[in-house]
Amino acid sequence: MKKKGKKKNDAGAAVVDAASPSSAADSAEAKALYKPVKQSVTIRLDSDVVAWFKSREDRYQTAINKVLRKHMLKRLSDKKKSAPAE
C-alpha cells in the first residue's frame, strides 16, 4: 500500500506526480504552487557563460537555474515518449 503525502526528489524538493490524472487547470495550479527547495552548490562554469548571463540578468543565478530546469524537463519528457507502453 502506498503512503499518501508529498513526494520529494533527491534534492528534497516537493514533486508533483505527473502521472496522476488531472485537468489543465489543476496542472496550472500545481505549477503555480510548486516551490522547489534550493540547494547551495559550487559549480565551475566557463567564464564567458557566466559573463553572458550576468550581462543579461540581474538575477543571473535564477536565469541559469531556469535554463537547466527547462533542459531537465525536456530530457524527462523525451525519455517518457521513448519508453515502451505498458
PDB file of N, CA and C in Angstrom:
ATOM      1  N   MET A   1       0.840  -1.173   0.000  1.00  0.00           N
ATOM      2  CA  MET A   1       0.000   0.000   0.000  1.00  0.00           C
ATOM      3  C   MET A   1       0.891   1.245   0.000  1.00  0.00           C
ATOM      4  N   LYS A   2       0.585   2.179  -0.881  1.00  0.00           N
ATOM      5  CA  LYS A   2       1.387   3.389  -0.996  1.00  0.00           C
ATOM      6  C   LYS A   2       1.030   4.371   0.095  1.00  0.00           C
ATOM      7  N   LYS A   3       2.052   5.064   0.577  1.00  0.00           N
ATOM      8  CA  LYS A   3       1.840   6.130   1.546  1.00  0.00           C
ATOM      9  C   LYS A   3       1.342   7.354   0.815  1.00  0.00           C
ATOM     10  N   LYS A   4       0.417   8.053   1.414  1.00  0.00           N
ATOM     11  CA  LYS A   4      -0.033   9.313   0.840  1.00  0.00           C
ATOM     12  C   LYS A   4       0.793  10.434   1.429  1.00  0.00           C
ATOM     13  N   GLY A   5       0.953  11.479   0.685  1.00  0.00           N
ATOM     14  CA  GLY A   5       1.727  12.619   1.167  1.00  0.00           C
ATOM     15  C   GLY A   5       2.530  13.204   0.033  1.00  0.00           C
ATOM     16  N   LYS A   6       3.307  14.193   0.378  1.00  0.00           N
ATOM     17  CA  LYS A   6       4.112  14.865  -0.628  1.00  0.00           C
ATOM     18  C   LYS A   6       5.298  14.001  -1.011  1.00  0.00           C
ATOM     19  N   LYS A   7       5.546  13.930  -2.301  1.00  0.00           N
ATOM     20  CA  LYS A   7       6.738  13.245  -2.791  1.00  0.00           C
ATOM     21  C   LYS A   7       7.864  14.254  -2.833  1.00  0.00           C
ATOM     22  N   LYS A   8       9.086  13.780  -2.648  1.00  0.00           N
ATOM     23  CA  LYS A   8      10.248  14.659  -2.731  1.00  0.00           C
ATOM     24  C   LYS A   8      11.285  14.028  -3.635  1.00  0.00           C
ATOM     25  N   ASN A   9      12.019  14.868  -4.336  1.00  0.00           N
ATOM     26  CA  ASN A   9      13.095  14.359  -5.178  1.00  0.00           C
ATOM     27  C   ASN A   9      14.373  14.268  -4.357  1.00  0.00           C
ATOM     28  N   ASP A  10      15.480  13.890  -4.989  1.00  0.00           N
ATOM     29  CA  ASP A  10      16.745  13.715  -4.283  1.00  0.00           C
ATOM     30  C   ASP A  10      17.213  14.989  -3.581  1.00  0.00           C
ATOM     31  N   ALA A  11      16.847  16.136  -4.117  1.00  0.00           N
ATOM     32  CA  ALA A  11      17.275  17.403  -3.523  1.00  0.00           C
ATOM     33  C   ALA A  11      16.314  17.861  -2.429  1.00  0.00           C
ATOM     34  N   GLY A  12      15.249  17.099  -2.189  1.00  0.00           N
ATOM     35  CA  GLY A  12      14.295  17.451  -1.145  1.00  0.00           C
ATOM     36  C   GLY A  12      13.180  18.358  -1.620  1.00  0.00           C
ATOM     37  N   ALA A  13      13.090  18.592  -2.928  1.00  0.00           N
ATOM     38  CA  ALA A  13      12.038  19.450  -3.457  1.00  0.00           C
ATOM     39  C   ALA A  13      10.746  18.665  -3.578  1.00  0.00           C
ATOM     40  N   ALA A  14       9.644  19.320  -3.263  1.00  0.00           N
ATOM     41  CA  ALA A  14       8.341  18.681  -3.441  1.00  0.00           C
ATOM     42  C   ALA A  14       8.129  18.451  -4.923  1.00  0.00           C
ATOM     43  N   VAL A  15       7.591  17.291  -5.268  1.00  0.00           N
ATOM     44  CA  VAL A  15       7.421  16.923  -6.663  1.00  0.00           C
ATOM     45  C   VAL A  15       5.958  16.637  -6.934  1.00  0.00           C
ATOM     46  N   VAL A  16       5.437  17.193  -8.020  1.00  0.00           N
ATOM     47  CA  VAL A  16       4.079  16.912  -8.448  1.00  0.00           C
ATOM     48  C   VAL A  16       4.125  15.654  -9.294  1.00  0.00           C
ATOM     49  N   ASP A  17       3.265  14.689  -8.997  1.00  0.00           N
ATOM     50  CA  ASP A  17       3.234  13.431  -9.739  1.00  0.00           C
ATOM     51  C   ASP A  17       2.617  13.680 -11.106  1.00  0.00           C
ATOM     52  N   ALA A  18       3.454  13.707 -12.130  1.00  0.00           N
ATOM     53  CA  ALA A  18       2.987  13.996 -13.486  1.00  0.00           C
ATOM     54  C   ALA A  18       2.129  12.877 -14.038  1.00  0.00           C
ATOM     55  N   ALA A  19       2.215  11.682 -13.471  1.00  0.00           N
ATOM     56  CA  ALA A  19       1.455  10.545 -13.971  1.00  0.00           C
ATOM     57  C   ALA A  19       0.018  10.551 -13.471  1.00  0.00           C
ATOM     58  N   SER A  20      -0.278  11.312 -12.427  1.00  0.00           N
ATOM     59  CA  SER A  20      -1.634  11.303 -11.889  1.00  0.00           C
ATOM     60  C   SER A  20      -2.551  12.099 -12.804  1.00  0.00           C
ATOM     61  N   PRO A  21      -3.777  11.604 -12.983  1.00  0.00           N
ATOM     62  CA  PRO A  21      -4.700  12.306 -13.873  1.00  0.00           C
ATOM     63  C   PRO A  21      -5.115  13.637 -13.261  1.00  0.00           C
ATOM     64  N   SER A  22      -5.103  14.671 -14.079  1.00  0.00           N
ATOM     65  CA  SER A  22      -5.541  15.984 -13.611  1.00  0.00           C
ATOM     66  C   SER A  22      -5.945  16.823 -14.805  1.00  0.00           C
ATOM     67  N   SER A  23      -6.756  17.827 -14.536  1.00  0.00           N
ATOM     68  CA  SER A  23      -7.167  18.721 -15.614  1.00  0.00           C
ATOM     69  C   SER A  23      -6.074  19.747 -15.852  1.00  0.00           C
ATOM     70  N   ALA A  24      -6.200  20.474 -16.925  1.00  0.00           N
ATOM     71  CA  ALA A  24      -5.217  21.507 -17.246  1.00  0.00           C
ATOM     72  C   ALA A  24      -5.189  22.576 -16.159  1.00  0.00           C
ATOM     73  N   ALA A  25      -6.346  22.888 -15.586  1.00  0.00           N
ATOM     74  CA  ALA A  25      -6.405  23.887 -14.518  1.00  0.00           C
ATOM     75  C   ALA A  25      -5.650  23.395 -13.294  1.00  0.00           C
ATOM     76  N   ASP A  26      -5.826  22.117 -12.953  1.00  0.00           N
ATOM     77  CA  ASP A  26      -5.110  21.548 -11.814  1.00  0.00           C
ATOM     78  C   ASP A  26      -3.610  21.618 -12.054  1.00  0.00           C
ATOM     79  N   SER A  27      -3.190  21.321 -13.277  1.00  0.00           N
ATOM     80  CA  SER A  27      -1.777  21.333 -13.616  1.00  0.00           C
ATOM     81  C   SER A  27      -1.212  22.746 -13.493  1.00  0.00           C
ATOM     82  N   ALA A  28      -1.945  23.734 -13.983  1.00  0.00           N
ATOM     83  CA  ALA A  28      -1.500  25.124 -13.904  1.00  0.00           C
ATOM     84  C   ALA A  28      -1.421  25.566 -12.450  1.00  0.00           C
ATOM     85  N   GLU A  29      -2.393  25.133 -11.653  1.00  0.00           N
ATOM     86  CA  GLU A  29      -2.392  25.485 -10.228  1.00  0.00           C
ATOM     87  C   GLU A  29      -1.207  24.838  -9.524  1.00  0.00           C
ATOM     88  N   ALA A  30      -0.935  23.576  -9.859  1.00  0.00           N
ATOM     89  CA  ALA A  30       0.198  22.873  -9.249  1.00  0.00           C
ATOM     90  C   ALA A  30       1.510  23.571  -9.599  1.00  0.00           C
ATOM     91  N   LYS A  31       1.655  24.011 -10.854  1.00  0.00           N
ATOM     92  CA  LYS A  31       2.871  24.713 -11.266  1.00  0.00           C
ATOM     93  C   LYS A  31       3.019  26.027 -10.512  1.00  0.00           C
ATOM     94  N   ALA A  32       1.891  26.722 -10.303  1.00  0.00           N
ATOM     95  CA  ALA A  32       1.941  27.998  -9.607  1.00  0.00           C
ATOM     96  C   ALA A  32       2.335  27.809  -8.142  1.00  0.00           C
ATOM     97  N   LEU A  33       1.975  26.678  -7.556  1.00  0.00           N
ATOM     98  CA  LEU A  33       2.262  26.419  -6.146  1.00  0.00           C
ATOM     99  C   LEU A  33       3.602  25.734  -5.930  1.00  0.00           C
ATOM    100  N   TYR A  34       4.219  25.240  -6.985  1.00  0.00           N
ATOM    101  CA  TYR A  34       5.465  24.485  -6.868  1.00  0.00           C
ATOM    102  C   TYR A  34       6.597  25.397  -6.439  1.00  0.00           C
ATOM    103  N   LYS A  35       7.199  25.106  -5.307  1.00  0.00           N
ATOM    104  CA  LYS A  35       8.342  25.871  -4.798  1.00  0.00           C
ATOM    105  C   LYS A  35       9.439  24.880  -4.438  1.00  0.00           C
ATOM    106  N   PRO A  36      10.383  24.650  -5.340  1.00  0.00           N
ATOM    107  CA  PRO A  36      11.441  23.689  -5.025  1.00  0.00           C
ATOM    108  C   PRO A  36      12.354  24.198  -3.919  1.00  0.00           C
ATOM    109  N   VAL A  37      12.896  23.267  -3.180  1.00  0.00           N
ATOM    110  CA  VAL A  37      13.869  23.604  -2.149  1.00  0.00           C
ATOM    111  C   VAL A  37      15.181  23.948  -2.852  1.00  0.00           C
ATOM    112  N   LYS A  38      15.754  25.065  -2.488  1.00  0.00           N
ATOM    113  CA  LYS A  38      17.020  25.476  -3.110  1.00  0.00           C
ATOM    114  C   LYS A  38      18.179  24.836  -2.365  1.00  0.00           C
ATOM    115  N   GLN A  39      19.178  24.453  -3.118  1.00  0.00           N
ATOM    116  CA  GLN A  39      20.386  23.862  -2.545  1.00  0.00           C
ATOM    117  C   GLN A  39      21.578  24.658  -3.024  1.00  0.00           C
ATOM    118  N   SER A  40      22.393  25.086  -2.100  1.00  0.00           N
ATOM    119  CA  SER A  40      23.593  25.828  -2.453  1.00  0.00           C
ATOM    120  C   SER A  40      24.664  24.847  -2.913  1.00  0.00           C
ATOM    121  N   VAL A  41      25.211  25.097  -4.108  1.00  0.00           N
ATOM    122  CA  VAL A  41      26.250  24.230  -4.661  1.00  0.00           C
ATOM    123  C   VAL A  41      27.368  25.086  -5.245  1.00  0.00           C
ATOM    124  N   THR A  42      28.502  24.475  -5.403  1.00  0.00           N
ATOM    125  CA  THR A  42      29.599  25.123  -6.110  1.00  0.00           C
ATOM    126  C   THR A  42      29.726  24.415  -7.442  1.00  0.00           C
ATOM    127  N   ILE A  43      29.691  25.187  -8.504  1.00  0.00           N
ATOM    128  CA  ILE A  43      29.773  24.617  -9.853  1.00  0.00           C
ATOM    129  C   ILE A  43      30.745  25.464 -10.663  1.00  0.00           C
ATOM    130  N   ARG A  44      31.554  24.801 -11.441  1.00  0.00           N
ATOM    131  CA  ARG A  44      32.526  25.516 -12.275  1.00  0.00           C
ATOM    132  C   ARG A  44      31.950  25.658 -13.683  1.00  0.00           C
ATOM    133  N   LEU A  45      31.752  26.903 -14.095  1.00  0.00           N
ATOM    134  CA  LEU A  45      31.213  27.211 -15.416  1.00  0.00           C
ATOM    135  C   LEU A  45      32.249  27.995 -16.201  1.00  0.00           C
ATOM    136  N   ASP A  46      32.166  27.924 -17.500  1.00  0.00           N
ATOM    137  CA  ASP A  46      33.057  28.718 -18.343  1.00  0.00           C
ATOM    138  C   ASP A  46      32.821  30.201 -18.067  1.00  0.00           C
ATOM    139  N   SER A  47      33.900  30.949 -17.980  1.00  0.00           N
ATOM    140  CA  SER A  47      33.785  32.361 -17.609  1.00  0.00           C
ATOM    141  C   SER A  47      32.955  33.166 -18.604  1.00  0.00           C
ATOM    142  N   ASP A  48      33.015  32.808 -19.893  1.00  0.00           N
ATOM    143  CA  ASP A  48      32.217  33.542 -20.875  1.00  0.00           C
ATOM    144  C   ASP A  48      30.724  33.271 -20.702  1.00  0.00           C
ATOM    145  N   VAL A  49      30.374  32.071 -20.241  1.00  0.00           N
ATOM    146  CA  VAL A  49      28.970  31.742 -19.995  1.00  0.00           C
ATOM    147  C   VAL A  49      28.450  32.577 -18.823  1.00  0.00           C
ATOM    148  N   VAL A  50      29.219  32.629 -17.748  1.00  0.00           N
ATOM    149  CA  VAL A  50      28.821  33.415 -16.573  1.00  0.00           C
ATOM    150  C   VAL A  50      28.726  34.892 -16.949  1.00  0.00           C
ATOM    151  N   ALA A  51      29.703  35.395 -17.688  1.00  0.00           N
ATOM    152  CA  ALA A  51      29.694  36.802 -18.099  1.00  0.00           C
ATOM    153  C   ALA A  51      28.455  37.114 -18.938  1.00  0.00           C
ATOM    154  N   TRP A  52      28.076  36.191 -19.819  1.00  0.00           N
ATOM    155  CA  TRP A  52      26.892  36.402 -20.661  1.00  0.00           C
ATOM    156  C   TRP A  52      25.631  36.493 -19.813  1.00  0.00           C
ATOM    157  N   PHE A  53      25.454  35.559 -18.872  1.00  0.00           N
ATOM    158  CA  PHE A  53      24.276  35.595 -18.008  1.00  0.00           C
ATOM    159  C   PHE A  53      24.267  36.858 -17.152  1.00  0.00           C
ATOM    160  N   LYS A  54      25.420  37.235 -16.605  1.00  0.00           N
ATOM    161  CA  LYS A  54      25.492  38.437 -15.767  1.00  0.00           C
ATOM    162  C   LYS A  54      25.170  39.697 -16.560  1.00  0.00           C
ATOM    163  N   SER A  55      25.556  39.728 -17.828  1.00  0.00           N
ATOM    164  CA  SER A  55      25.302  40.915 -18.650  1.00  0.00           C
ATOM    165  C   SER A  55      23.827  41.059 -19.019  1.00  0.00           C
ATOM    166  N   ARG A  56      23.093  39.971 -18.980  1.00  0.00           N
ATOM    167  CA  ARG A  56      21.695  39.983 -19.401  1.00  0.00           C
ATOM    168  C   ARG A  56      20.710  40.039 -18.243  1.00  0.00           C
ATOM    169  N   GLU A  57      21.089  39.568 -17.091  1.00  0.00           N
ATOM    170  CA  GLU A  57      20.150  39.405 -15.987  1.00  0.00           C
ATOM    171  C   GLU A  57      20.750  39.908 -14.682  1.00  0.00           C
ATOM    172  N   ASP A  58      19.952  40.624 -13.894  1.00  0.00           N
ATOM    173  CA  ASP A  58      20.386  40.975 -12.540  1.00  0.00           C
ATOM    174  C   ASP A  58      20.448  39.713 -11.684  1.00  0.00           C
ATOM    175  N   ARG A  59      19.492  38.821 -11.899  1.00  0.00           N
ATOM    176  CA  ARG A  59      19.418  37.582 -11.134  1.00  0.00           C
ATOM    177  C   ARG A  59      19.938  36.437 -12.009  1.00  0.00           C
ATOM    178  N   TYR A  60      21.210  36.495 -12.311  1.00  0.00           N
ATOM    179  CA  TYR A  60      21.780  35.551 -13.265  1.00  0.00           C
ATOM    180  C   TYR A  60      21.734  34.111 -12.776  1.00  0.00           C
ATOM    181  N   GLN A  61      21.830  33.886 -11.469  1.00  0.00           N
ATOM    182  CA  GLN A  61      21.762  32.511 -10.960  1.00  0.00           C
ATOM    183  C   GLN A  61      20.379  31.921 -11.198  1.00  0.00           C
ATOM    184  N   THR A  62      19.349  32.740 -11.031  1.00  0.00           N
ATOM    185  CA  THR A  62      17.984  32.300 -11.311  1.00  0.00           C
ATOM    186  C   THR A  62      17.824  31.998 -12.795  1.00  0.00           C
ATOM    187  N   ALA A  63      18.420  32.818 -13.643  1.00  0.00           N
ATOM    188  CA  ALA A  63      18.351  32.591 -15.089  1.00  0.00           C
ATOM    189  C   ALA A  63      19.041  31.278 -15.468  1.00  0.00           C
ATOM    190  N   ILE A  64      20.192  31.018 -14.878  1.00  0.00           N
ATOM    191  CA  ILE A  64      20.901  29.755 -15.148  1.00  0.00           C
ATOM    192  C   ILE A  64      20.049  28.582 -14.680  1.00  0.00           C
ATOM    193  N   ASN A  65      19.420  28.709 -13.517  1.00  0.00           N
ATOM    194  CA  ASN A  65      18.562  27.646 -12.990  1.00  0.00           C
ATOM    195  C   ASN A  65      17.389  27.379 -13.935  1.00  0.00           C
ATOM    196  N   LYS A  66      16.787  28.442 -14.485  1.00  0.00           N
ATOM    197  CA  LYS A  66      15.674  28.280 -15.431  1.00  0.00           C
ATOM    198  C   LYS A  66      16.104  27.493 -16.660  1.00  0.00           C
ATOM    199  N   VAL A  67      17.278  27.817 -17.195  1.00  0.00           N
ATOM    200  CA  VAL A  67      17.793  27.117 -18.375  1.00  0.00           C
ATOM    201  C   VAL A  67      18.024  25.637 -18.048  1.00  0.00           C
ATOM    202  N   LEU A  68      18.622  25.379 -16.902  1.00  0.00           N
ATOM    203  CA  LEU A  68      18.877  23.990 -16.501  1.00  0.00           C
ATOM    204  C   LEU A  68      17.577  23.229 -16.275  1.00  0.00           C
ATOM    205  N   ARG A  69      16.588  23.866 -15.634  1.00  0.00           N
ATOM    206  CA  ARG A  69      15.292  23.209 -15.402  1.00  0.00           C
ATOM    207  C   ARG A  69      14.600  22.894 -16.726  1.00  0.00           C
ATOM    208  N   LYS A  70      14.616  23.842 -17.660  1.00  0.00           N
ATOM    209  CA  LYS A  70      13.987  23.626 -18.961  1.00  0.00           C
ATOM    210  C   LYS A  70      14.637  22.432 -19.666  1.00  0.00           C
ATOM    211  N   HIS A  71      15.951  22.363 -19.608  1.00  0.00           N
ATOM    212  CA  HIS A  71      16.680  21.244 -20.217  1.00  0.00           C
ATOM    213  C   HIS A  71      16.309  19.921 -19.535  1.00  0.00           C
ATOM    214  N   MET A  72      16.262  19.925 -18.210  1.00  0.00           N
ATOM    215  CA  MET A  72      15.925  18.725 -17.456  1.00  0.00           C
ATOM    216  C   MET A  72      14.516  18.235 -17.814  1.00  0.00           C
ATOM    217  N   LEU A  73      13.549  19.148 -17.841  1.00  0.00           N
ATOM    218  CA  LEU A  73      12.176  18.763 -18.148  1.00  0.00           C
ATOM    219  C   LEU A  73      12.050  18.233 -19.579  1.00  0.00           C
ATOM    220  N   LYS A  74      12.781  18.828 -20.502  1.00  0.00           N
ATOM    221  CA  LYS A  74      12.776  18.346 -21.896  1.00  0.00           C
ATOM    222  C   LYS A  74      13.311  16.925 -21.961  1.00  0.00           C
ATOM    223  N   ARG A  75      14.422  16.666 -21.277  1.00  0.00           N
ATOM    224  CA  ARG A  75      15.012  15.319 -21.270  1.00  0.00           C
ATOM    225  C   ARG A  75      14.063  14.310 -20.637  1.00  0.00           C
ATOM    226  N   LEU A  76      13.396  14.705 -19.551  1.00  0.00           N
ATOM    227  CA  LEU A  76      12.437  13.808 -18.906  1.00  0.00           C
ATOM    228  C   LEU A  76      11.259  13.520 -19.824  1.00  0.00           C
ATOM    229  N   SER A  77      10.804  14.546 -20.531  1.00  0.00           N
ATOM    230  CA  SER A  77       9.703  14.385 -21.472  1.00  0.00           C
ATOM    231  C   SER A  77      10.098  13.458 -22.623  1.00  0.00           C
ATOM    232  N   ASP A  78      11.301  13.657 -23.149  1.00  0.00           N
ATOM    233  CA  ASP A  78      11.792  12.807 -24.235  1.00  0.00           C
ATOM    234  C   ASP A  78      11.903  11.354 -23.774  1.00  0.00           C
ATOM    235  N   LYS A  79      12.347  11.165 -22.553  1.00  0.00           N
ATOM    236  CA  LYS A  79      12.506   9.820 -22.001  1.00  0.00           C
ATOM    237  C   LYS A  79      11.156   9.121 -21.880  1.00  0.00           C
ATOM    238  N   LYS A  80      10.123   9.869 -21.438  1.00  0.00           N
ATOM    239  CA  LYS A  80       8.789   9.286 -21.318  1.00  0.00           C
ATOM    240  C   LYS A  80       8.242   8.877 -22.682  1.00  0.00           C
ATOM    241  N   LYS A  81       8.486   9.738 -23.686  1.00  0.00           N
ATOM    242  CA  LYS A  81       7.975   9.461 -25.033  1.00  0.00           C
ATOM    243  C   LYS A  81       8.622   8.213 -25.621  1.00  0.00           C
ATOM    244  N   SER A  82       9.879   7.977 -25.304  1.00  0.00           N
ATOM    245  CA  SER A  82      10.582   6.839 -25.882  1.00  0.00           C
ATOM    246  C   SER A  82      10.421   5.559 -25.057  1.00  0.00           C
ATOM    247  N   ALA A  83       9.812   5.658 -23.871  1.00  0.00           N
ATOM    248  CA  ALA A  83       9.605   4.464 -23.044  1.00  0.00           C
ATOM    249  C   ALA A  83       8.524   3.585 -23.668  1.00  0.00           C
ATOM    250  N   PRO A  84       8.714   2.263 -23.623  1.00  0.00           N
ATOM    251  CA  PRO A  84       7.692   1.370 -24.198  1.00  0.00           C
ATOM    252  C   PRO A  84       6.387   1.460 -23.394  1.00  0.00           C
ATOM    253  N   ALA A  85       5.277   1.372 -24.097  1.00  0.00           N
ATOM    254  CA  ALA A  85       3.965   1.408 -23.455  1.00  0.00           C
ATOM    255  C   ALA A  85       3.747   0.143 -22.648  1.00  0.00           C
ATOM    256  N   GLU A  86       3.117   0.318 -21.501  1.00  0.00           N
ATOM    257  CA  GLU A  86       2.865  -0.849 -20.635  1.00  0.00           C
ATOM    258  C   GLU A  86       1.510  -1.422 -20.880  1.00  0.00           C
TER     259      GLU A  86
END
